[in-house]
Amino acid sequence: MADHRAEAMVLKLWEQSRARALRWSATGEVDTFAVVLASYAVQVKRNEYPDGAGSTLALCDLAGDVIEEIDGDDISGLKVLDPASGKYLNGWSVLYQIWEIARRSALGVDRAMDAILAALSETEQLSLFADEDACDDEEEEEAWVDGDDEAE
């Protein structure tokens, strides 16, 4: 039986995660990320199942004890339109997207990519200047070989 509160909570987590409004952090467990809300921790983790991978949510109290777990079957009534793809997502897909966004947020993937892109852009600009200098050197060298003293 689907719990409508669980569906509503997962939907809000998905929406706010997509909006980058939640501060997900890494936990001590592999592929598990958490956000603290209203004196509870919500953990999202990646699991391997016989028929493929999936994500689950765990609600934890202040002591770190799991008080509830939610997987795609628990929110089977959830259907949401993904604005990026234009397709409807089921509960399993929504949980996976939450996990992927949490992973990227907690590990700083977007920040790392931005830094790398900026460094590559700087390198590209330096390379362009080096190419311009190389062209100037080639012109001077050609002028010198041709005996044109005014190239210097």
N, C-alpha and C. Protein backbone atom coordinates (compact mmCIF):
# COMPACT_ATOMS: atom_id res chain seq x y z
N MET A 1 0.84 -1.18 0.00
CA MET A 1 0.00 0.00 0.00
C MET A 1 0.89 1.24 0.00
N ALA A 2 0.65 2.13 -0.91
CA ALA A 2 1.45 3.34 -1.04
C ALA A 2 1.12 4.32 0.09
N ASP A 3 2.15 4.90 0.66
CA ASP A 3 1.99 5.91 1.70
C ASP A 3 2.07 7.27 1.02
N HIS A 4 0.97 7.99 1.03
CA HIS A 4 0.92 9.27 0.33
C HIS A 4 1.85 10.31 0.94
N ARG A 5 2.09 10.23 2.25
CA ARG A 5 3.05 11.15 2.87
C ARG A 5 4.46 10.86 2.37
N ALA A 6 4.78 9.58 2.20
CA ALA A 6 6.11 9.22 1.67
C ALA A 6 6.25 9.74 0.24
N GLU A 7 5.21 9.58 -0.56
CA GLU A 7 5.25 10.09 -1.94
C GLU A 7 5.42 11.60 -1.96
N ALA A 8 4.68 12.30 -1.09
CA ALA A 8 4.77 13.77 -1.03
C ALA A 8 6.17 14.19 -0.58
N MET A 9 6.74 13.48 0.39
CA MET A 9 8.07 13.81 0.88
C MET A 9 9.13 13.58 -0.20
N VAL A 10 9.05 12.47 -0.88
CA VAL A 10 10.01 12.16 -1.95
C VAL A 10 9.89 13.19 -3.07
N LEU A 11 8.67 13.55 -3.42
CA LEU A 11 8.47 14.56 -4.46
C LEU A 11 9.12 15.89 -4.05
N LYS A 12 8.92 16.32 -2.80
CA LYS A 12 9.52 17.57 -2.33
C LYS A 12 11.05 17.46 -2.31
N LEU A 13 11.58 16.32 -1.89
CA LEU A 13 13.03 16.12 -1.90
C LEU A 13 13.57 16.21 -3.32
N TRP A 14 12.85 15.61 -4.26
CA TRP A 14 13.26 15.64 -5.67
C TRP A 14 13.26 17.08 -6.20
N GLU A 15 12.15 17.80 -5.93
CA GLU A 15 12.03 19.18 -6.42
C GLU A 15 13.12 20.07 -5.83
N GLN A 16 13.32 19.97 -4.53
CA GLN A 16 14.30 20.85 -3.89
C GLN A 16 15.73 20.42 -4.22
N SER A 17 15.95 19.15 -4.45
CA SER A 17 17.29 18.69 -4.88
C SER A 17 17.58 19.22 -6.27
N ARG A 18 16.60 19.13 -7.17
CA ARG A 18 16.78 19.64 -8.54
C ARG A 18 17.04 21.14 -8.53
N ALA A 19 16.42 21.86 -7.60
CA ALA A 19 16.59 23.31 -7.49
C ALA A 19 17.88 23.66 -6.74
N ARG A 20 18.62 22.66 -6.33
CA ARG A 20 19.88 22.84 -5.58
C ARG A 20 19.64 23.58 -4.27
N ALA A 21 18.47 23.37 -3.67
CA ALA A 21 18.12 24.03 -2.42
C ALA A 21 18.54 23.23 -1.19
N LEU A 22 18.96 21.99 -1.37
CA LEU A 22 19.36 21.15 -0.25
C LEU A 22 20.87 20.97 -0.24
N ARG A 23 21.44 20.92 0.95
CA ARG A 23 22.89 20.74 1.11
C ARG A 23 23.18 19.29 1.48
N TRP A 24 23.36 18.48 0.46
CA TRP A 24 23.67 17.07 0.66
C TRP A 24 25.14 16.94 1.06
N SER A 25 25.42 15.96 1.91
CA SER A 25 26.81 15.71 2.31
C SER A 25 27.09 14.22 2.24
N ALA A 26 28.37 13.90 2.14
CA ALA A 26 28.79 12.50 2.11
C ALA A 26 28.66 11.92 3.52
N THR A 27 28.44 10.63 3.58
CA THR A 27 28.41 9.93 4.87
C THR A 27 29.62 9.00 4.90
N GLY A 28 29.73 8.22 5.93
CA GLY A 28 30.83 7.26 6.02
C GLY A 28 30.62 6.03 5.17
N GLU A 29 29.44 5.90 4.60
CA GLU A 29 29.11 4.73 3.78
C GLU A 29 29.30 5.05 2.29
N VAL A 30 29.76 4.06 1.57
CA VAL A 30 29.96 4.22 0.12
C VAL A 30 28.61 4.47 -0.55
N ASP A 31 28.58 5.43 -1.47
CA ASP A 31 27.38 5.74 -2.27
C ASP A 31 26.17 6.10 -1.42
N THR A 32 26.40 6.72 -0.25
CA THR A 32 25.31 7.16 0.63
C THR A 32 25.53 8.63 0.97
N PHE A 33 24.48 9.42 0.80
CA PHE A 33 24.57 10.86 1.03
C PHE A 33 23.40 11.27 1.91
N ALA A 34 23.57 12.37 2.65
CA ALA A 34 22.55 12.76 3.63
C ALA A 34 22.33 14.26 3.63
N VAL A 35 21.14 14.61 4.07
CA VAL A 35 20.78 16.00 4.32
C VAL A 35 20.00 16.00 5.64
N VAL A 36 20.22 17.02 6.47
CA VAL A 36 19.52 17.12 7.75
C VAL A 36 18.37 18.11 7.60
N LEU A 37 17.19 17.63 7.98
CA LEU A 37 15.97 18.44 7.90
C LEU A 37 15.12 18.18 9.14
N ALA A 38 14.71 19.23 9.83
CA ALA A 38 13.79 19.12 10.96
C ALA A 38 14.26 18.10 12.00
N SER A 39 15.51 18.14 12.37
CA SER A 39 16.10 17.26 13.38
C SER A 39 16.15 15.79 12.97
N TYR A 40 16.04 15.53 11.69
CA TYR A 40 16.18 14.16 11.16
C TYR A 40 17.15 14.20 9.99
N ALA A 41 17.79 13.08 9.75
CA ALA A 41 18.64 12.96 8.58
C ALA A 41 17.91 12.13 7.54
N VAL A 42 17.97 12.58 6.32
CA VAL A 42 17.46 11.80 5.20
C VAL A 42 18.68 11.32 4.44
N GLN A 43 18.82 10.02 4.34
CA GLN A 43 19.93 9.43 3.60
C GLN A 43 19.41 8.83 2.32
N VAL A 44 20.17 9.01 1.26
CA VAL A 44 19.84 8.36 0.00
C VAL A 44 21.04 7.49 -0.35
N LYS A 45 20.77 6.25 -0.68
CA LYS A 45 21.87 5.34 -0.99
C LYS A 45 21.60 4.55 -2.25
N ARG A 46 22.65 4.14 -2.87
CA ARG A 46 22.59 3.34 -4.10
C ARG A 46 22.73 1.89 -3.68
N ASN A 47 21.83 1.06 -4.19
CA ASN A 47 21.83 -0.37 -3.87
C ASN A 47 21.89 -1.18 -5.14
N GLU A 48 22.48 -2.34 -5.04
CA GLU A 48 22.51 -3.30 -6.15
C GLU A 48 21.48 -4.38 -5.86
N TYR A 49 20.61 -4.60 -6.81
CA TYR A 49 19.59 -5.64 -6.71
C TYR A 49 19.83 -6.66 -7.82
N PRO A 50 19.28 -7.85 -7.68
CA PRO A 50 19.47 -8.87 -8.73
C PRO A 50 19.06 -8.39 -10.12
N ASP A 51 18.03 -7.54 -10.18
CA ASP A 51 17.56 -7.07 -11.49
C ASP A 51 18.08 -5.69 -11.84
N GLY A 52 19.10 -5.21 -11.13
CA GLY A 52 19.71 -3.92 -11.45
C GLY A 52 19.91 -3.07 -10.22
N ALA A 53 20.38 -1.87 -10.43
CA ALA A 53 20.65 -0.96 -9.32
C ALA A 53 19.42 -0.10 -9.03
N GLY A 54 19.34 0.37 -7.81
CA GLY A 54 18.25 1.25 -7.40
C GLY A 54 18.68 2.06 -6.21
N SER A 55 17.89 3.05 -5.89
CA SER A 55 18.21 3.91 -4.75
C SER A 55 17.10 3.81 -3.72
N THR A 56 17.49 4.00 -2.46
CA THR A 56 16.52 4.00 -1.37
C THR A 56 16.77 5.20 -0.48
N LEU A 57 15.73 5.63 0.20
CA LEU A 57 15.83 6.67 1.21
C LEU A 57 15.72 6.04 2.58
N ALA A 58 16.50 6.56 3.51
CA ALA A 58 16.38 6.14 4.90
C ALA A 58 16.16 7.39 5.73
N LEU A 59 15.17 7.35 6.60
CA LEU A 59 14.93 8.44 7.55
C LEU A 59 15.59 8.02 8.86
N CYS A 60 16.44 8.90 9.40
CA CYS A 60 17.19 8.57 10.61
C CYS A 60 16.91 9.60 11.70
N ASP A 61 16.87 9.12 12.94
CA ASP A 61 16.70 10.04 14.07
C ASP A 61 18.05 10.64 14.44
N LEU A 62 18.06 11.47 15.51
CA LEU A 62 19.28 12.15 15.90
C LEU A 62 20.39 11.20 16.34
N ALA A 63 20.01 10.02 16.80
CA ALA A 63 21.00 9.03 17.21
C ALA A 63 21.59 8.29 16.01
N GLY A 64 21.03 8.53 14.83
CA GLY A 64 21.52 7.87 13.62
C GLY A 64 20.83 6.56 13.32
N ASP A 65 19.82 6.25 14.10
CA ASP A 65 19.07 5.01 13.87
C ASP A 65 18.07 5.19 12.73
N VAL A 66 18.00 4.20 11.86
CA VAL A 66 17.05 4.23 10.75
C VAL A 66 15.66 3.97 11.31
N ILE A 67 14.75 4.90 11.07
CA ILE A 67 13.38 4.73 11.56
C ILE A 67 12.41 4.36 10.44
N GLU A 68 12.84 4.57 9.19
CA GLU A 68 12.01 4.18 8.05
C GLU A 68 12.88 4.11 6.80
N GLU A 69 12.58 3.17 5.94
CA GLU A 69 13.24 3.08 4.64
C GLU A 69 12.18 3.13 3.55
N ILE A 70 12.52 3.80 2.47
CA ILE A 70 11.58 3.96 1.36
C ILE A 70 12.29 3.58 0.07
N ASP A 71 11.67 2.67 -0.68
CA ASP A 71 12.21 2.35 -2.01
C ASP A 71 11.12 2.62 -3.04
N GLY A 72 11.41 2.35 -4.29
CA GLY A 72 10.48 2.65 -5.37
C GLY A 72 9.15 1.94 -5.24
N ASP A 73 9.16 0.74 -4.67
CA ASP A 73 7.90 0.02 -4.48
C ASP A 73 7.00 0.70 -3.45
N ASP A 74 7.62 1.35 -2.45
CA ASP A 74 6.85 2.03 -1.41
C ASP A 74 6.14 3.28 -1.93
N ILE A 75 6.64 3.81 -3.03
CA ILE A 75 6.04 5.03 -3.61
C ILE A 75 5.59 4.74 -5.04
N SER A 76 5.00 3.58 -5.21
CA SER A 76 4.61 3.11 -6.55
C SER A 76 3.56 4.00 -7.21
N GLY A 77 2.84 4.76 -6.44
CA GLY A 77 1.83 5.66 -7.01
C GLY A 77 2.41 6.97 -7.51
N LEU A 78 3.68 7.20 -7.25
CA LEU A 78 4.30 8.45 -7.65
C LEU A 78 4.61 8.46 -9.14
N LYS A 79 4.08 9.41 -9.84
CA LYS A 79 4.38 9.64 -11.26
C LYS A 79 4.61 11.14 -11.40
N VAL A 80 5.76 11.51 -11.91
CA VAL A 80 6.09 12.92 -12.01
C VAL A 80 6.70 13.19 -13.39
N LEU A 81 6.33 14.33 -13.94
CA LEU A 81 6.84 14.72 -15.25
C LEU A 81 8.22 15.35 -15.08
N ASP A 82 9.21 14.77 -15.72
CA ASP A 82 10.57 15.29 -15.68
C ASP A 82 10.68 16.40 -16.72
N PRO A 83 10.90 17.66 -16.28
CA PRO A 83 10.97 18.75 -17.25
C PRO A 83 12.16 18.63 -18.20
N ALA A 84 13.22 17.96 -17.76
CA ALA A 84 14.41 17.84 -18.62
C ALA A 84 14.16 16.90 -19.79
N SER A 85 13.48 15.78 -19.53
CA SER A 85 13.27 14.79 -20.60
C SER A 85 11.88 14.83 -21.20
N GLY A 86 10.93 15.43 -20.49
CA GLY A 86 9.55 15.44 -20.96
C GLY A 86 8.84 14.11 -20.74
N LYS A 87 9.48 13.21 -19.99
CA LYS A 87 8.91 11.88 -19.73
C LYS A 87 8.44 11.79 -18.28
N TYR A 88 7.50 10.87 -18.06
CA TYR A 88 7.05 10.63 -16.70
C TYR A 88 8.00 9.66 -16.01
N LEU A 89 8.30 9.96 -14.75
CA LEU A 89 9.19 9.13 -13.95
C LEU A 89 8.39 8.40 -12.89
N ASN A 90 8.78 7.15 -12.64
CA ASN A 90 8.15 6.41 -11.55
C ASN A 90 8.98 6.63 -10.28
N GLY A 91 8.55 6.02 -9.20
CA GLY A 91 9.23 6.19 -7.91
C GLY A 91 10.70 5.82 -7.94
N TRP A 92 11.03 4.70 -8.59
CA TRP A 92 12.43 4.27 -8.68
C TRP A 92 13.28 5.31 -9.40
N SER A 93 12.76 5.87 -10.48
CA SER A 93 13.51 6.86 -11.25
C SER A 93 13.70 8.16 -10.47
N VAL A 94 12.68 8.56 -9.73
CA VAL A 94 12.78 9.77 -8.91
C VAL A 94 13.84 9.57 -7.82
N LEU A 95 13.82 8.41 -7.17
CA LEU A 95 14.83 8.13 -6.15
C LEU A 95 16.24 8.13 -6.74
N TYR A 96 16.38 7.57 -7.94
CA TYR A 96 17.69 7.57 -8.58
C TYR A 96 18.16 9.00 -8.86
N GLN A 97 17.25 9.84 -9.36
CA GLN A 97 17.64 11.23 -9.64
C GLN A 97 18.03 11.96 -8.36
N ILE A 98 17.31 11.71 -7.27
CA ILE A 98 17.69 12.32 -5.99
C ILE A 98 19.10 11.87 -5.61
N TRP A 99 19.38 10.57 -5.75
CA TRP A 99 20.70 10.05 -5.41
C TRP A 99 21.78 10.70 -6.28
N GLU A 100 21.53 10.80 -7.57
CA GLU A 100 22.52 11.37 -8.48
C GLU A 100 22.79 12.85 -8.16
N ILE A 101 21.75 13.61 -7.88
CA ILE A 101 21.91 15.02 -7.52
C ILE A 101 22.64 15.14 -6.18
N ALA A 102 22.27 14.29 -5.22
CA ALA A 102 22.93 14.30 -3.90
C ALA A 102 24.41 13.97 -4.05
N ARG A 103 24.74 12.99 -4.87
CA ARG A 103 26.13 12.59 -5.09
C ARG A 103 26.92 13.76 -5.67
N ARG A 104 26.38 14.37 -6.71
CA ARG A 104 27.07 15.49 -7.37
C ARG A 104 27.25 16.66 -6.40
N SER A 105 26.24 16.92 -5.59
CA SER A 105 26.30 18.02 -4.63
C SER A 105 27.33 17.72 -3.53
N ALA A 106 27.23 16.55 -2.93
CA ALA A 106 28.11 16.20 -1.81
C ALA A 106 29.57 16.11 -2.22
N LEU A 107 29.82 15.61 -3.41
CA LEU A 107 31.21 15.44 -3.87
C LEU A 107 31.75 16.67 -4.59
N GLY A 108 30.90 17.66 -4.82
CA GLY A 108 31.35 18.89 -5.48
C GLY A 108 31.68 18.70 -6.95
N VAL A 109 30.93 17.82 -7.62
CA VAL A 109 31.19 17.52 -9.02
C VAL A 109 31.06 18.77 -9.90
N ASP A 110 30.00 19.52 -9.72
CA ASP A 110 29.79 20.71 -10.56
C ASP A 110 30.87 21.75 -10.30
N ARG A 111 31.26 21.93 -9.03
CA ARG A 111 32.31 22.88 -8.68
C ARG A 111 33.63 22.45 -9.34
N ALA A 112 33.92 21.15 -9.30
CA ALA A 112 35.15 20.63 -9.92
C ALA A 112 35.14 20.86 -11.43
N MET A 113 34.01 20.56 -12.06
CA MET A 113 33.93 20.76 -13.52
C MET A 113 34.10 22.22 -13.89
N ASP A 114 33.48 23.12 -13.11
CA ASP A 114 33.62 24.55 -13.38
C ASP A 114 35.08 24.98 -13.26
N ALA A 115 35.77 24.50 -12.22
CA ALA A 115 37.18 24.85 -12.03
C ALA A 115 38.04 24.31 -13.17
N ILE A 116 37.77 23.09 -13.59
CA ILE A 116 38.54 22.50 -14.68
C ILE A 116 38.27 23.24 -15.99
N LEU A 117 37.02 23.56 -16.25
CA LEU A 117 36.69 24.33 -17.45
C LEU A 117 37.38 25.70 -17.44
N ALA A 118 37.40 26.35 -16.28
CA ALA A 118 38.06 27.65 -16.18
C ALA A 118 39.56 27.50 -16.44
N ALA A 119 40.17 26.46 -15.87
CA ALA A 119 41.60 26.23 -16.09
C ALA A 119 41.88 25.94 -17.56
N LEU A 120 41.02 25.15 -18.18
CA LEU A 120 41.20 24.85 -19.60
C LEU A 120 41.04 26.10 -20.45
N SER A 121 40.12 26.97 -20.07
CA SER A 121 39.94 28.22 -20.81
C SER A 121 41.17 29.09 -20.68
N GLU A 122 41.76 29.15 -19.48
CA GLU A 122 42.99 29.92 -19.29
C GLU A 122 44.11 29.33 -20.14
N THR A 123 44.23 28.02 -20.13
CA THR A 123 45.26 27.34 -20.91
C THR A 123 45.05 27.62 -22.39
N GLU A 124 43.78 27.60 -22.81
CA GLU A 124 43.45 27.88 -24.20
C GLU A 124 43.86 29.30 -24.57
N GLN A 125 43.59 30.25 -23.67
CA GLN A 125 43.97 31.65 -23.94
C GLN A 125 45.48 31.79 -23.98
N LEU A 126 46.18 31.13 -23.05
CA LEU A 126 47.64 31.18 -23.06
C LEU A 126 48.17 30.56 -24.34
N SER A 127 47.52 29.49 -24.77
CA SER A 127 47.94 28.82 -26.00
C SER A 127 47.74 29.74 -27.20
N LEU A 128 46.65 30.48 -27.20
CA LEU A 128 46.41 31.43 -28.30
C LEU A 128 47.49 32.50 -28.34
N PHE A 129 47.87 33.01 -27.15
CA PHE A 129 48.93 34.01 -27.11
C PHE A 129 50.25 33.41 -27.57
N ALA A 130 50.50 32.17 -27.18
CA ALA A 130 51.73 31.51 -27.60
C ALA A 130 51.73 31.33 -29.12
N ASP A 131 50.57 30.99 -29.69
CA ASP A 131 50.47 30.84 -31.14
C ASP A 131 50.73 32.17 -31.84
N GLU A 132 50.20 33.27 -31.28
CA GLU A 132 50.43 34.59 -31.87
C GLU A 132 51.91 34.93 -31.83
N ASP A 133 52.57 34.66 -30.70
CA ASP A 133 54.00 34.91 -30.58
C ASP A 133 54.77 34.05 -31.57
N ALA A 134 54.35 32.80 -31.73
CA ALA A 134 55.02 31.90 -32.67
C ALA A 134 54.88 32.44 -34.09
N CYS A 135 53.73 32.97 -34.43
CA CYS A 135 53.51 33.54 -35.77
C CYS A 135 54.43 34.74 -35.97
N ASP A 136 54.55 35.61 -34.94
CA ASP A 136 55.43 36.77 -35.04
C ASP A 136 56.88 36.32 -35.24
N ASP A 137 57.30 35.30 -34.49
CA ASP A 137 58.66 34.78 -34.61
C ASP A 137 58.92 34.24 -36.01
N GLU A 138 57.90 33.51 -36.55
CA GLU A 138 58.06 32.94 -37.89
C GLU A 138 58.20 34.05 -38.94
N GLU A 139 57.41 35.13 -38.79
CA GLU A 139 57.48 36.24 -39.74
C GLU A 139 58.84 36.91 -39.67
N GLU A 140 59.36 37.10 -38.43
CA GLU A 140 60.68 37.70 -38.26
C GLU A 140 61.75 36.81 -38.88
N GLU A 141 61.62 35.50 -38.64
CA GLU A 141 62.60 34.56 -39.17
C GLU A 141 62.59 34.57 -40.70
N GLU A 142 61.38 34.57 -41.30
CA GLU A 142 61.27 34.61 -42.76
C GLU A 142 61.88 35.89 -43.30
N ALA A 143 61.64 37.02 -42.63
CA ALA A 143 62.18 38.29 -43.08
C ALA A 143 63.71 38.28 -42.98
N TRP A 144 64.22 37.72 -41.93
CA TRP A 144 65.68 37.66 -41.76
C TRP A 144 66.32 36.80 -42.84
N VAL A 145 65.68 35.65 -43.14
CA VAL A 145 66.20 34.75 -44.17
C VAL A 145 66.18 35.44 -45.53
N ASP A 146 65.12 36.23 -45.78
CA ASP A 146 65.01 36.92 -47.06
C ASP A 146 65.92 38.14 -47.14
N GLY A 147 66.58 38.49 -46.02
CA GLY A 147 67.47 39.62 -46.02
C GLY A 147 66.77 40.94 -45.75
N ASP A 148 65.56 40.92 -45.24
CA ASP A 148 64.82 42.13 -44.93
C ASP A 148 65.21 42.59 -43.53
N ASP A 149 66.02 43.62 -43.42
CA ASP A 149 66.52 44.09 -42.14
C ASP A 149 65.45 44.85 -41.34
N GLU A 150 64.40 45.30 -41.98
CA GLU A 150 63.39 46.09 -41.28
C GLU A 150 62.41 45.25 -40.49
N ALA A 151 62.49 43.94 -40.60
CA ALA A 151 61.56 43.07 -39.86
C ALA A 151 61.85 43.09 -38.38
N GLU A 152 63.08 43.44 -38.00
CA GLU A 152 63.41 43.45 -36.58
C GLU A 152 62.96 44.69 -35.99
